[in-house]
Each structure stands twice: as C-alpha cells, then as structure tokens.
C-alpha cells in the first residue's frame, strides 16, 4: 500500500492539510452516512492497513452498515455493501453516479482519461463506449474470434498432455494465464508479440498501481506526499514502457499485409475508424492506445483469473467437479475437442462459472464512481465529489441473499435458492457492474472463460499433490485492482480417454 505504514508515522508533518480540513468543516453540514472513527489528517486510512481493502471494507460495513462513509485522506468516500444500496447508486440515481474521477496514478496510466473504463461521463465517454459496443465488442465481433479461441485451447491441451507423463505436477495457473494472454493478443492486435512478456509484466504492475489506495491518490494536493510517494513515479515509468510497446504494435500492424479473409482484430478496427474520421477518437492517437490498453486489461488478467479461481473451487469441491465433468463428457462423448458451438449445451458448466463470479468477481471493488452533485440516499447525504465504491465481493457473499454464502454451490442457481443473473439487473450479483458503467466486454471475456474451462475439464482428471487436502488450498487473493489467486494452482493432470458414442 505504497509504504502506507511508514507514512502514517510521520503524518503530523502534513500540517498544510489541516487548512483544507478547516475549510471543509466550514461548509454547511451534511447528514453523512455512519462510518468508523477517524484520525486527524489521515481520516480513515489506518483502517485499511494490514489486509485486502475489499475484505476490510466488508468487515467495517458489518459494523456500520451497507452505506458507510470514510474520509480517506483528502477524499470523502462512500462504500456500498448491500444490493438495495447498489440499486440506488447504479439504477435509481445512475446518472448522478455515472462519472469517474481517476486518481493521479490512474490518469497517468490511461493517457489522462482517454480510455473507456476510467474516463469521466460525457461526450467523449459516450463516443468511445459506442465504438466499443458497436464495433469492438459486439456479438458478431466476439464470434469472429472463434477460431482464435479454439486454436489456442487446442495448444493448451496439447501442452498439458505433453507435460502430464510420469505423474508430473503442472503449474496450471501459469498455463491458464499464458493461454488467455495469447488469445487476448491475437484478438486485440492480430498476433502474438515478441515483447509480449514485457507488456504483460508492465500491465500487471499497472493493475497493482491502479488500486486507488496509494497515498499520492489519497492526498493529491500535497506536494510533500507526491515527493515521498513512489507510486506516481512508478506509474509514469510503467506508462512510458507500455506506451512504447503500444507504439511498436501500432507500427507493426500498419506495416503488416493481411489477407482478404483475415479476421479484423480490435486494433485494426480502431485504426480504420481513426483513418476514416479522426474526430471519432478525439483526433488523438493516444485515444487509440488508451482503448487498446483497456482491451488488454479486460481480456487477459481478469479473464484468466476467473478460470484459475474456477479450477481452484472445483478442486476444493470434488462432488461438483464430478458433476460438471460428467455433464461435459456425456454430452460431448467422442469429440476430439470442445468448440464454441458445443458450449451452449453445457448448462451446469455455466452455473459453475456463475458461482465462481459470485465468490470471485473480476474487480472485487467495482471501478469507483464519483458523485456529480450532492444526493440523498436512504436519508443520508452523499456529497458532491465523493468517491463511491461498490463492494461487489461483499455483496456476492451477503448471507441475507445467499444461503451458505461462503460455500461454492453452483446448484443454488437451479434449486430455487437464487435466480440471479449477472447482466446488471440483479443487484445481489454484479460481478460486471450495472447501469451506464457496466462492463462492455462481458461477452468477450466469458467466451474465453467457457472454452478454456470446458476443455480442461473434458480432457483431464485433476489431482492435488500428494498429502495436500482440498481444504488446505491457499485461498488468499493478491493485492491490486483485480484479485487473482496469490498462490499458483499446482496440480497433476491425468489424461481422460474419450470413446465414441
């Protein structure tokens, strides 16, 4: 958390911020939501020390309620931890909370608001989102990448088969991320890149930096903090590296001679639109790079993490593993590989994915929103300019809405326990958000998740290392914007021999 503990010890040096606090206190008082106790200058920051933010915020909400106020440094912050309140923010008052106010580090990483995910609500956001929905992430476009998904999945199965001899252990997490990343690069820029590993390394650093809890993000007006904080410097370095790599990808793409029947990749679409009418992308090539940055971020790290979590949960739930494998193998018996066209038949597999998303949403704290004007929610005032965080992780585990909320039970979606879907209408289940800022790449990511997971379960039986009990598997998440597993999943793959029907 950007040396947060060290900075807390010298917080008394930030005397200039007292003036800001006094100025704030001079404004007309608002009826703010309840929240934990605060310290001078730091506000509520100290409550976030020592654990992952989405877990800490869930624990605090159990004490103070689903609508909770925290003063994180200079930034007034409201945390939403219940479906009823999420509905108020993302449906009833959606327009009031549809904008974003990117932090300093996020601004640096996203070309100062030229991407889709973090750009403020307005004409530019409407234009680039329209491009995403109609051109980049339409159902037709996602279907056009079918051959890429199928080819890369075959490569994965062949690789695991070659490594599975003599009972060798396999780092399955590594193989999943590598495959999803290859799918992503081919769909986004047309092929795998020579500097792909460097790009992905920097992309992971960008995810870590974009958490929003760096001190420079919480004290944006403090020159002293900006000098002491390494986050802004690291974000600048990371952005510079990514920008150079994106420039190289664009140059290579423009010089490439594609065949008439070649699938148009996402970068090709953006360059075509830019060449036809630069106004569509603000007459700025940085906008093209910012949108491509978003495409990589959404289609690689978060997508692979869902597959990884699904396999993790299945290894901890042998009966569920047996049930989903039986469905796949009975319906598709004798097939060499599972294709996109087969996936629609696999109903229980879809429930496994839904349950994985409930427990492990791609972004546990949905990307933060900003209150555009002071608004009253359930009798409390949300001040203009406040950051609003929706804790999708906590909502998905709320025992008020989910029986055995901490248990992995895909059957809950067919036994009457829940009929919730994740398309943004059921606010107890919002892994992709809802309202104006719902994730536009949902179908793109799900297509990759489904085909990789289905083939892993169809072609192999899976065993834990000798002496490891399923419930002993490490459940700890990593720190950052997303929450991938901290420990890799190490398993033994046993090829399953299929027979013809």
Protein backbone atom coordinates (compact mmCIF):
# COMPACT_ATOMS: atom_id res chain seq x y z
CA UNK A 1 0.00 0.00 0.00
CA UNK A 2 2.78 2.36 -1.07
CA UNK A 3 4.64 2.31 2.26
CA UNK A 4 1.43 3.36 3.99
CA UNK A 5 2.51 2.29 7.45
CA UNK A 6 5.70 4.36 7.26
CA UNK A 7 3.82 7.41 6.09
CA UNK A 8 1.30 7.11 8.88
CA UNK A 9 4.10 7.51 11.42
CA UNK A 10 5.03 10.91 10.01
CA UNK A 11 1.52 12.10 9.24
CA UNK A 12 1.87 15.00 11.65
CA UNK A 13 4.10 16.67 9.08
CA UNK A 14 1.15 17.24 6.80
CA UNK A 15 0.11 20.42 8.61
CA UNK A 16 -0.96 22.10 5.40
CA UNK A 17 -3.78 19.63 5.08
CA UNK A 18 -5.25 20.96 8.31
CA UNK A 19 -6.16 24.12 6.44
CA UNK A 20 -8.08 22.03 3.94
CA UNK A 21 -9.86 20.24 6.77
CA UNK A 22 -10.81 23.53 8.42
CA UNK A 23 -12.09 24.85 5.13
CA UNK A 24 -14.15 21.71 4.61
CA UNK A 25 -15.61 21.93 8.10
CA UNK A 26 -16.74 25.49 7.41
CA UNK A 27 -19.16 24.29 4.75
CA UNK A 28 -22.82 23.62 5.59
CA UNK A 29 -23.06 20.35 7.48
CA UNK A 30 -24.42 17.29 5.73
CA UNK A 31 -26.01 14.20 7.21
CA UNK A 32 -23.24 11.81 6.19
CA UNK A 33 -23.57 8.02 6.42
CA UNK A 34 -22.10 6.38 9.52
CA UNK A 35 -18.50 5.22 9.45
CA UNK A 36 -15.52 4.18 11.57
CA UNK A 37 -13.57 6.52 13.81
CA UNK A 38 -11.03 8.79 12.19
CA UNK A 39 -7.63 10.29 12.88
CA UNK A 40 -6.61 13.89 12.17
CA UNK A 41 -5.42 14.31 8.58
CA UNK A 42 -5.38 10.58 7.82
CA UNK A 43 -9.10 10.19 8.33
CA UNK A 44 -9.99 6.50 7.97
CA UNK A 45 -6.84 5.34 6.19
CA UNK A 46 -5.49 3.44 9.18
CA UNK A 47 -8.43 1.02 9.00
CA UNK A 48 -7.13 -0.28 5.66
CA UNK A 49 -3.72 -1.31 6.97
CA UNK A 50 -2.89 -4.99 7.14
CA UNK A 51 -5.49 -6.62 4.93
CA UNK A 52 -7.02 -6.51 1.47
CA UNK A 53 -9.30 -3.47 1.05
CA UNK A 54 -12.41 -5.36 -0.06
CA UNK A 55 -12.18 -7.63 2.99
CA UNK A 56 -11.57 -4.75 5.40
CA UNK A 57 -14.44 -2.75 3.93
CA UNK A 58 -16.77 -5.75 4.21
CA UNK A 59 -15.85 -6.15 7.88
CA UNK A 60 -16.35 -2.44 8.55
CA UNK A 61 -19.72 -2.47 6.79
CA UNK A 62 -20.89 -5.23 9.11
CA UNK A 63 -20.36 -2.77 11.96
CA UNK A 64 -21.53 0.46 10.31
CA UNK A 65 -23.99 -0.65 7.64
CA UNK A 66 -24.24 -1.10 3.90
CA UNK A 67 -23.94 2.66 3.36
CA UNK A 68 -20.70 3.75 5.00
CA UNK A 69 -18.64 6.94 4.95
CA UNK A 70 -14.86 7.05 5.16
CA UNK A 71 -12.54 10.02 4.91
CA UNK A 72 -9.55 8.61 3.05
CA UNK A 73 -7.04 11.40 3.34
CA UNK A 74 -8.46 14.30 1.35
CA UNK A 75 -11.02 12.14 -0.39
CA UNK A 76 -14.55 11.69 1.02
CA UNK A 77 -15.51 8.13 0.20
CA UNK A 78 -18.79 6.24 0.39
CA UNK A 79 -18.77 2.44 0.39
CA UNK A 80 -21.79 0.46 -0.81
CA UNK A 81 -22.11 -3.08 0.54
CA UNK A 82 -25.73 -4.13 0.01
CA UNK A 83 -27.88 -4.90 -3.05
CA UNK A 84 -30.54 -2.32 -2.12
CA UNK A 85 -27.97 0.45 -1.98
CA UNK A 86 -26.19 -0.75 -5.11
CA UNK A 87 -29.53 -0.45 -6.90
CA UNK A 88 -29.88 3.14 -5.69
CA UNK A 89 -26.42 4.04 -6.99
CA UNK A 90 -26.43 2.11 -10.28
CA UNK A 91 -30.08 2.34 -11.30
CA UNK A 92 -32.25 4.84 -9.42
CA UNK A 93 -29.56 7.56 -9.35
CA UNK A 94 -27.36 6.11 -12.09
CA UNK A 95 -26.87 9.42 -13.92
CA UNK A 96 -25.71 11.11 -10.71
CA UNK A 97 -23.06 8.46 -10.14
CA UNK A 98 -22.14 7.61 -13.74
CA UNK A 99 -18.92 9.60 -13.88
CA UNK A 100 -15.44 8.78 -12.66
CA UNK A 101 -12.68 10.90 -11.20
CA UNK A 102 -9.50 8.95 -11.93
CA UNK A 103 -6.76 9.07 -9.32
CA UNK A 104 -3.36 10.52 -10.13
CA UNK A 105 -1.84 7.12 -10.86
CA UNK A 106 -4.81 6.03 -12.99
CA UNK A 107 -4.68 9.26 -15.00
CA UNK A 108 -1.04 8.63 -15.78
CA UNK A 109 -1.69 5.04 -16.84
CA UNK A 110 -4.75 5.81 -19.02
CA UNK A 111 -3.48 8.78 -21.05
CA UNK A 112 -5.27 11.20 -18.75
CA UNK A 113 -8.78 9.91 -19.22
CA UNK A 114 -8.78 8.80 -22.85
CA UNK A 115 -9.70 5.17 -22.18
CA UNK A 116 -13.20 3.75 -21.69
CA UNK A 117 -13.19 2.37 -18.16
CA UNK A 118 -11.92 5.42 -16.26
CA UNK A 119 -12.87 8.35 -18.47
CA UNK A 120 -15.39 10.80 -16.94
CA UNK A 121 -19.02 10.71 -18.05
CA UNK A 122 -19.60 12.99 -21.04
CA UNK A 123 -19.48 13.28 -24.82
CA UNK A 124 -16.09 11.61 -25.20
CA UNK A 125 -17.10 8.69 -22.99
CA UNK A 126 -20.34 8.23 -24.98
CA UNK A 127 -18.39 8.18 -28.24
CA UNK A 128 -15.74 5.65 -27.24
CA UNK A 129 -18.30 3.45 -25.48
CA UNK A 130 -20.39 3.47 -28.65
CA UNK A 131 -17.33 2.32 -30.58
CA UNK A 132 -16.75 -0.46 -28.04
CA UNK A 133 -20.33 -1.72 -28.12
CA UNK A 134 -20.97 -1.46 -31.88
CA UNK A 135 -17.52 -2.12 -33.31
CA UNK A 136 -15.12 -3.74 -30.86
CA UNK A 137 -17.19 -5.95 -28.57
CA UNK A 138 -20.37 -6.72 -30.50
CA UNK A 139 -21.63 -10.30 -30.55
CA UNK A 140 -20.60 -10.56 -34.20
CA UNK A 141 -17.07 -9.41 -33.38
CA UNK A 142 -16.75 -11.83 -30.46
CA UNK A 143 -17.93 -14.67 -32.71
CA UNK A 144 -15.35 -13.70 -35.32
CA UNK A 145 -12.61 -14.67 -32.85
CA UNK A 146 -13.93 -18.22 -32.55
CA UNK A 147 -11.03 -19.77 -34.47
CA UNK A 148 -8.52 -17.99 -32.23
CA UNK A 149 -10.17 -19.34 -29.08
CA UNK A 150 -10.34 -22.86 -30.44
CA UNK A 151 -6.75 -22.91 -31.76
CA UNK A 152 -5.25 -21.59 -28.54
CA UNK A 153 -7.30 -24.04 -26.47
CA UNK A 154 -6.02 -26.94 -28.57
CA UNK A 155 -2.48 -25.67 -27.99
CA UNK A 156 -3.15 -25.64 -24.24
CA UNK A 157 -4.49 -29.20 -24.19
CA UNK A 158 -1.57 -30.48 -26.24
CA UNK A 159 0.91 -28.74 -23.95
CA UNK A 160 -0.64 -30.17 -20.79
CA UNK A 161 -0.76 -33.63 -22.39
CA UNK A 162 2.95 -33.42 -23.16
CA UNK A 163 3.74 -32.41 -19.58
CA UNK A 164 1.50 -34.93 -17.83
CA UNK A 165 3.67 -38.01 -18.20
CA UNK A 166 5.01 -39.88 -15.17
CA UNK A 167 2.62 -38.07 -12.85
CA UNK A 168 4.46 -34.76 -13.10
CA UNK A 169 3.00 -31.74 -11.37
CA UNK A 170 1.91 -28.82 -13.56
CA UNK A 171 1.60 -25.15 -12.71
CA UNK A 172 -1.93 -24.90 -14.07
CA UNK A 173 -2.30 -21.22 -13.17
CA UNK A 174 0.69 -20.37 -15.35
CA UNK A 175 -0.72 -22.34 -18.29
CA UNK A 176 -4.16 -20.74 -17.96
CA UNK A 177 -2.77 -17.20 -17.89
CA UNK A 178 -0.45 -17.92 -20.81
CA UNK A 179 -3.29 -19.28 -22.95
CA UNK A 180 -5.72 -16.46 -22.16
CA UNK A 181 -2.97 -13.92 -22.84
CA UNK A 182 -2.25 -15.49 -26.23
CA UNK A 183 -5.96 -15.34 -27.07
CA UNK A 184 -6.01 -11.72 -26.00
CA UNK A 185 -3.02 -10.66 -28.09
CA UNK A 186 -4.33 -12.36 -31.21
CA UNK A 187 -7.78 -10.80 -30.85
CA UNK A 188 -6.54 -7.34 -29.89
CA UNK A 189 -3.54 -6.80 -32.18
CA UNK A 190 -3.68 -9.73 -34.60
CA UNK A 191 -0.84 -11.92 -33.38
CA UNK A 192 1.45 -12.72 -30.50
CA UNK A 193 4.19 -10.14 -30.00
CA UNK A 194 7.91 -10.53 -29.44
CA UNK A 195 7.72 -8.26 -26.38
CA UNK A 196 4.52 -9.85 -25.09
CA UNK A 197 6.04 -10.96 -21.78
CA UNK A 198 7.37 -7.45 -21.08
CA UNK A 199 3.98 -5.92 -21.91
CA UNK A 200 2.15 -8.33 -19.61
CA UNK A 201 4.61 -7.69 -16.80
CA UNK A 202 4.02 -3.95 -17.04
CA UNK A 203 0.27 -4.49 -17.36
CA UNK A 204 0.32 -6.41 -14.08
CA UNK A 205 2.19 -3.54 -12.44
CA UNK A 206 -0.42 -1.14 -13.78
CA UNK A 207 -3.14 -3.26 -12.16
CA UNK A 208 -1.30 -3.13 -8.84
CA UNK A 209 -0.88 0.65 -9.06
CA UNK A 210 -4.49 1.32 -10.04
CA UNK A 211 -5.94 0.11 -6.74
CA UNK A 212 -6.66 3.71 -5.71
CA UNK A 213 -5.17 3.35 -2.23
CA UNK A 214 -1.74 4.85 -2.88
CA UNK A 215 -1.02 7.85 -0.65
CA UNK A 216 -0.47 10.10 -3.65
CA UNK A 217 -4.02 9.25 -4.74
CA UNK A 218 -5.46 9.94 -1.29
CA UNK A 219 -3.57 13.23 -0.84
CA UNK A 220 -3.49 14.56 -4.42
CA UNK A 221 -2.93 18.20 -3.40
CA UNK A 222 0.02 17.50 -1.10
CA UNK A 223 3.37 18.32 -2.69
CA UNK A 224 5.13 16.61 0.22
CA UNK A 225 3.27 13.34 -0.36
CA UNK A 226 3.95 13.49 -4.09
CA UNK A 227 7.67 13.80 -3.34
CA UNK A 228 7.65 10.93 -0.86
CA UNK A 229 5.39 8.58 -2.79
CA UNK A 230 6.86 6.20 -5.31
CA UNK A 231 3.50 5.35 -6.86
CA UNK A 232 3.31 8.30 -9.25
CA UNK A 233 6.91 7.79 -10.36
CA UNK A 234 6.33 4.08 -10.89
CA UNK A 235 3.10 4.79 -12.78
CA UNK A 236 4.98 7.22 -15.05
CA UNK A 237 7.70 4.66 -15.71
CA UNK A 238 5.15 1.90 -16.30
CA UNK A 239 3.10 4.09 -18.65
CA UNK A 240 6.19 5.09 -20.61
CA UNK A 241 7.13 1.44 -21.11
CA UNK A 242 3.60 0.44 -22.13
CA UNK A 243 3.30 3.43 -24.45
CA UNK A 244 6.48 2.48 -26.30
CA UNK A 245 5.27 -1.10 -26.66
CA UNK A 246 1.87 0.06 -27.94
CA UNK A 247 3.57 2.36 -30.46
CA UNK A 248 5.58 -0.61 -31.72
CA UNK A 249 2.41 -2.72 -32.01
CA UNK A 250 0.67 0.01 -34.00
CA UNK A 251 3.64 0.46 -36.34
CA UNK A 252 3.92 -3.28 -36.89
CA UNK A 253 0.18 -3.50 -37.51
CA UNK A 254 0.23 -0.73 -40.12
CA UNK A 255 3.14 -2.40 -41.93
CA UNK A 256 1.55 -5.84 -41.92
CA UNK A 257 -0.12 -7.11 -45.06
CA UNK A 258 -3.23 -9.02 -44.05
CA UNK A 259 -5.09 -11.47 -46.25
CA UNK A 260 -8.57 -10.76 -47.54
CA UNK A 261 -10.08 -13.43 -45.27
CA UNK A 262 -8.09 -12.43 -42.17
CA UNK A 263 -10.16 -11.70 -39.08
CA UNK A 264 -10.11 -7.98 -38.27
CA UNK A 265 -8.56 -7.51 -34.84
CA UNK A 266 -9.51 -4.76 -32.39
CA UNK A 267 -6.51 -2.57 -33.17
CA UNK A 268 -7.33 -2.86 -36.87
CA UNK A 269 -10.88 -1.69 -36.18
CA UNK A 270 -9.68 1.33 -34.21
CA UNK A 271 -7.08 2.32 -36.81
CA UNK A 272 -9.68 2.01 -39.58
CA UNK A 273 -12.12 4.21 -37.67
CA UNK A 274 -9.38 6.72 -36.89
CA UNK A 275 -8.30 6.91 -40.53
CA UNK A 276 -11.92 7.30 -41.70
CA UNK A 277 -12.75 10.05 -39.21
CA UNK A 278 -10.21 11.09 -36.54
CA UNK A 279 -12.97 13.01 -34.72
CA UNK A 280 -14.35 9.67 -33.54
CA UNK A 281 -11.28 9.31 -31.34
CA UNK A 282 -10.68 12.96 -30.44
CA UNK A 283 -8.10 13.37 -33.22
CA UNK A 284 -5.58 11.80 -30.90
CA UNK A 285 -3.70 8.54 -31.34
CA UNK A 286 -3.41 8.40 -27.55
CA UNK A 287 -7.13 7.58 -27.55
CA UNK A 288 -6.46 4.53 -29.72
CA UNK A 289 -3.71 3.39 -27.36
CA UNK A 290 -5.85 4.04 -24.28
CA UNK A 291 -8.71 1.92 -25.61
CA UNK A 292 -6.29 -0.86 -26.57
CA UNK A 293 -4.82 -0.67 -23.06
CA UNK A 294 -8.34 -1.24 -21.70
CA UNK A 295 -8.90 -4.14 -24.09
CA UNK A 296 -5.76 -5.90 -22.89
CA UNK A 297 -6.56 -5.21 -19.25
CA UNK A 298 -10.09 -6.60 -19.55
CA UNK A 299 -9.33 -9.62 -21.72
CA UNK A 300 -6.19 -11.00 -20.12
CA UNK A 301 -5.63 -10.61 -16.37
CA UNK A 302 -9.23 -10.66 -15.17
CA UNK A 303 -10.41 -13.36 -17.59
CA UNK A 304 -7.59 -15.74 -16.72
CA UNK A 305 -8.16 -15.13 -13.01
CA UNK A 306 -11.76 -16.36 -13.30
CA UNK A 307 -10.67 -19.64 -14.94
CA UNK A 308 -7.98 -20.06 -12.29
CA UNK A 309 -10.48 -19.48 -9.47
CA UNK A 310 -12.97 -21.88 -11.08
CA UNK A 311 -10.41 -24.70 -11.15
CA UNK A 312 -9.41 -23.84 -7.58
CA UNK A 313 -13.01 -24.07 -6.34
CA UNK A 314 -13.61 -27.31 -8.23
CA UNK A 315 -10.52 -28.88 -6.66
CA UNK A 316 -11.94 -27.96 -3.25
CA UNK A 317 -15.36 -29.41 -4.17
CA UNK A 318 -14.87 -32.94 -5.58
CA UNK A 319 -18.61 -33.65 -5.92
CA UNK A 320 -19.13 -30.52 -8.00
CA UNK A 321 -16.08 -31.43 -10.09
CA UNK A 322 -17.53 -34.87 -10.76
CA UNK A 323 -20.90 -33.43 -11.73
CA UNK A 324 -19.59 -30.86 -14.20
CA UNK A 325 -17.17 -33.34 -15.78
CA UNK A 326 -19.94 -35.91 -16.14
CA UNK A 327 -22.13 -33.38 -17.94
CA UNK A 328 -19.39 -32.40 -20.37
CA UNK A 329 -18.26 -35.96 -21.09
CA UNK A 330 -21.73 -37.39 -21.52
CA UNK A 331 -22.93 -34.67 -23.86
CA UNK A 332 -19.74 -34.44 -25.92
CA UNK A 333 -18.51 -38.02 -25.74
CA UNK A 334 -16.10 -38.93 -28.50
CA UNK A 335 -15.29 -35.41 -29.67
CA UNK A 336 -11.64 -34.54 -30.13
CA UNK A 337 -12.11 -31.04 -28.71
CA UNK A 338 -14.88 -28.77 -27.49
CA UNK A 339 -15.75 -25.89 -29.79
CA UNK A 340 -17.71 -22.69 -29.31
CA UNK A 341 -20.79 -24.36 -30.78
CA UNK A 342 -20.75 -27.05 -28.09
CA UNK A 343 -20.72 -24.65 -25.16
CA UNK A 344 -24.42 -23.77 -25.32
CA UNK A 345 -25.25 -27.36 -24.28
CA UNK A 346 -23.24 -27.23 -21.06
CA UNK A 347 -25.75 -25.84 -18.58
CA UNK A 348 -24.02 -26.91 -15.38
CA UNK A 349 -20.69 -25.55 -16.60
CA UNK A 350 -22.36 -22.15 -16.93
CA UNK A 351 -23.56 -22.43 -13.34
CA UNK A 352 -20.01 -23.24 -12.20
CA UNK A 353 -18.84 -20.04 -13.90
CA UNK A 354 -21.67 -18.03 -12.34
CA UNK A 355 -20.82 -19.31 -8.88
CA UNK A 356 -17.14 -18.53 -9.45
CA UNK A 357 -18.05 -14.96 -10.42
CA UNK A 358 -20.21 -14.64 -7.30
CA UNK A 359 -17.35 -15.57 -5.00
CA UNK A 360 -14.54 -14.04 -7.06
CA UNK A 361 -15.70 -11.05 -9.12
CA UNK A 362 -13.02 -9.78 -11.55
CA UNK A 363 -12.92 -6.44 -9.72
CA UNK A 364 -13.92 -7.01 -6.07
CA UNK A 365 -14.38 -3.27 -5.62
CA UNK A 366 -16.04 -2.19 -8.84
CA UNK A 367 -14.24 0.69 -10.52
CA UNK A 368 -15.01 3.73 -8.35
CA UNK A 369 -17.64 6.26 -9.34
CA UNK A 370 -17.92 9.93 -8.43
CA UNK A 371 -20.99 11.75 -7.13
CA UNK A 372 -21.69 14.57 -9.61
CA UNK A 373 -23.97 16.50 -7.25
CA UNK A 374 -24.98 16.14 -3.62
CA UNK A 375 -27.55 13.37 -3.44
CA UNK A 376 -29.71 11.86 -0.70
CA UNK A 377 -29.61 8.06 -0.42
CA UNK A 378 -31.71 6.32 2.23
CA UNK A 379 -31.79 9.50 4.32
CA UNK A 380 -28.06 10.24 4.13
CA UNK A 381 -26.27 12.88 2.07
CA UNK A 382 -23.64 11.83 -0.45
CA UNK A 383 -21.52 14.96 -1.01
CA UNK A 384 -20.66 16.22 -4.46
CA UNK A 385 -17.23 14.96 -5.48
CA UNK A 386 -17.30 11.96 -3.17
CA UNK A 387 -15.79 8.73 -4.42
CA UNK A 388 -18.34 5.91 -4.39
CA UNK A 389 -17.06 2.35 -4.11
CA UNK A 390 -19.38 -0.63 -4.65
CA UNK A 391 -18.05 -3.72 -2.88
CA UNK A 392 -19.24 -6.42 -5.30
CA UNK A 393 -17.21 -9.01 -3.39
CA UNK A 394 -19.10 -8.31 -0.16
CA UNK A 395 -22.49 -8.16 -1.90
CA UNK A 396 -21.89 -11.54 -3.53
CA UNK A 397 -21.25 -13.07 -0.11
CA UNK A 398 -24.10 -11.40 1.78
CA UNK A 399 -25.82 -14.17 3.81
CA UNK A 400 -29.06 -12.19 3.67
CA UNK A 401 -29.29 -13.03 -0.04
CA UNK A 402 -27.13 -16.12 -0.40
CA UNK A 403 -27.67 -19.28 1.64
CA UNK A 404 -24.32 -20.74 2.71
CA UNK A 405 -22.80 -17.61 1.22
CA UNK A 406 -19.16 -18.66 1.67
CA UNK A 407 -19.70 -22.09 0.10
CA UNK A 408 -19.13 -22.96 -3.56
CA UNK A 409 -22.54 -24.30 -4.63
CA UNK A 410 -23.39 -23.87 -8.33
CA UNK A 411 -26.63 -25.78 -7.69
CA UNK A 412 -28.03 -22.71 -5.93
CA UNK A 413 -28.95 -21.32 -9.35
CA UNK A 414 -31.21 -24.30 -10.19
CA UNK A 415 -32.62 -25.38 -6.82
CA UNK A 416 -34.63 -22.21 -6.26
CA UNK A 417 -32.11 -20.59 -3.92
CA UNK A 418 -31.35 -17.90 -6.49
CA UNK A 419 -32.39 -16.93 -9.99
CA UNK A 420 -29.95 -14.02 -10.16
CA UNK A 421 -28.06 -13.26 -13.34
CA UNK A 422 -25.01 -11.05 -13.80
CA UNK A 423 -26.27 -8.84 -16.64
CA UNK A 424 -26.77 -5.87 -14.30
CA UNK A 425 -30.43 -6.28 -13.31
CA UNK A 426 -29.99 -8.39 -10.15
CA UNK A 427 -28.08 -6.20 -7.72
CA UNK A 428 -27.17 -9.02 -5.36
CA UNK A 429 -24.97 -10.35 -8.19
CA UNK A 430 -22.98 -7.65 -10.02
CA UNK A 431 -19.52 -9.01 -10.93
CA UNK A 432 -19.51 -6.85 -14.09
CA UNK A 433 -21.22 -3.82 -12.56
CA UNK A 434 -24.53 -2.33 -13.71
CA UNK A 435 -26.04 0.78 -15.22
CA UNK A 436 -24.20 3.16 -17.54
CA UNK A 437 -20.80 1.83 -16.47
CA UNK A 438 -21.47 -1.90 -16.78
CA UNK A 439 -18.52 -3.72 -18.34
CA UNK A 440 -18.94 -3.63 -22.16
CA UNK A 441 -16.55 -6.57 -22.62
CA UNK A 442 -18.58 -9.11 -20.68
CA UNK A 443 -19.35 -11.44 -23.61
CA UNK A 444 -15.75 -11.23 -24.87
CA UNK A 445 -14.35 -12.40 -21.55
CA UNK A 446 -16.98 -15.08 -20.96
CA UNK A 447 -16.33 -16.66 -24.37
CA UNK A 448 -12.67 -17.20 -23.43
CA UNK A 449 -13.54 -18.44 -19.94
CA UNK A 450 -16.06 -21.02 -21.14
CA UNK A 451 -13.96 -22.70 -23.82
CA UNK A 452 -10.78 -22.96 -21.74
CA UNK A 453 -12.54 -24.29 -18.64
CA UNK A 454 -14.68 -26.76 -20.61
CA UNK A 455 -11.66 -28.28 -22.35
CA UNK A 456 -9.62 -28.55 -19.15
CA UNK A 457 -12.46 -30.49 -17.54
CA UNK A 458 -13.18 -32.62 -20.60
CA UNK A 459 -9.65 -33.79 -21.38
CA UNK A 460 -8.18 -34.32 -17.92
CA UNK A 461 -8.88 -35.56 -14.46
CA UNK A 462 -7.06 -33.47 -11.88
CA UNK A 463 -5.29 -34.38 -8.66
CA UNK A 464 -3.67 -32.37 -5.90
CA UNK A 465 -0.05 -33.04 -4.92
CA UNK A 466 0.40 -35.97 -2.56
CA UNK A 467 -0.53 -35.13 1.00
CA UNK A 468 -2.47 -31.95 0.15
CA UNK A 469 -6.09 -31.89 1.30
CA UNK A 470 -8.59 -29.86 -0.79
CA UNK A 471 -9.49 -27.59 2.11
CA UNK A 472 -5.80 -26.82 2.68
CA UNK A 473 -5.51 -24.93 -0.61
CA UNK A 474 -4.47 -21.31 -0.14
CA UNK A 475 -7.47 -19.00 -0.57
CA UNK A 476 -5.53 -15.73 -0.27
CA UNK A 477 -6.01 -13.14 -3.01
CA UNK A 478 -3.32 -10.83 -4.36
CA UNK A 479 -3.40 -7.07 -3.76
CA UNK A 480 -4.42 -4.79 -6.61
CA UNK A 481 -7.30 -3.68 -8.78
CA UNK A 482 -8.21 -7.29 -9.54
CA UNK A 483 -7.88 -10.17 -7.10
CA UNK A 484 -6.20 -13.14 -8.71
CA UNK A 485 -5.06 -16.03 -6.56
CA UNK A 486 -1.86 -15.21 -4.74
CA UNK A 487 -0.57 -18.79 -4.88
CA UNK A 488 -0.44 -20.70 -8.15
CA UNK A 489 -2.54 -23.83 -8.54
CA UNK A 490 -0.18 -26.80 -8.82
CA UNK A 491 -1.92 -30.00 -9.98
CA UNK A 492 -1.36 -33.37 -11.59
CA UNK A 493 -3.16 -33.85 -14.93
CA UNK A 494 -4.39 -37.33 -15.84
CA UNK A 495 -5.49 -37.57 -19.49
CA UNK A 496 -9.06 -38.77 -19.89
CA UNK A 497 -9.56 -41.15 -22.77
CA UNK A 498 -12.81 -40.41 -24.60
CA UNK A 499 -14.72 -43.06 -26.51
CA UNK A 500 -17.06 -42.61 -29.44
CA UNK A 501 -20.78 -42.65 -28.85
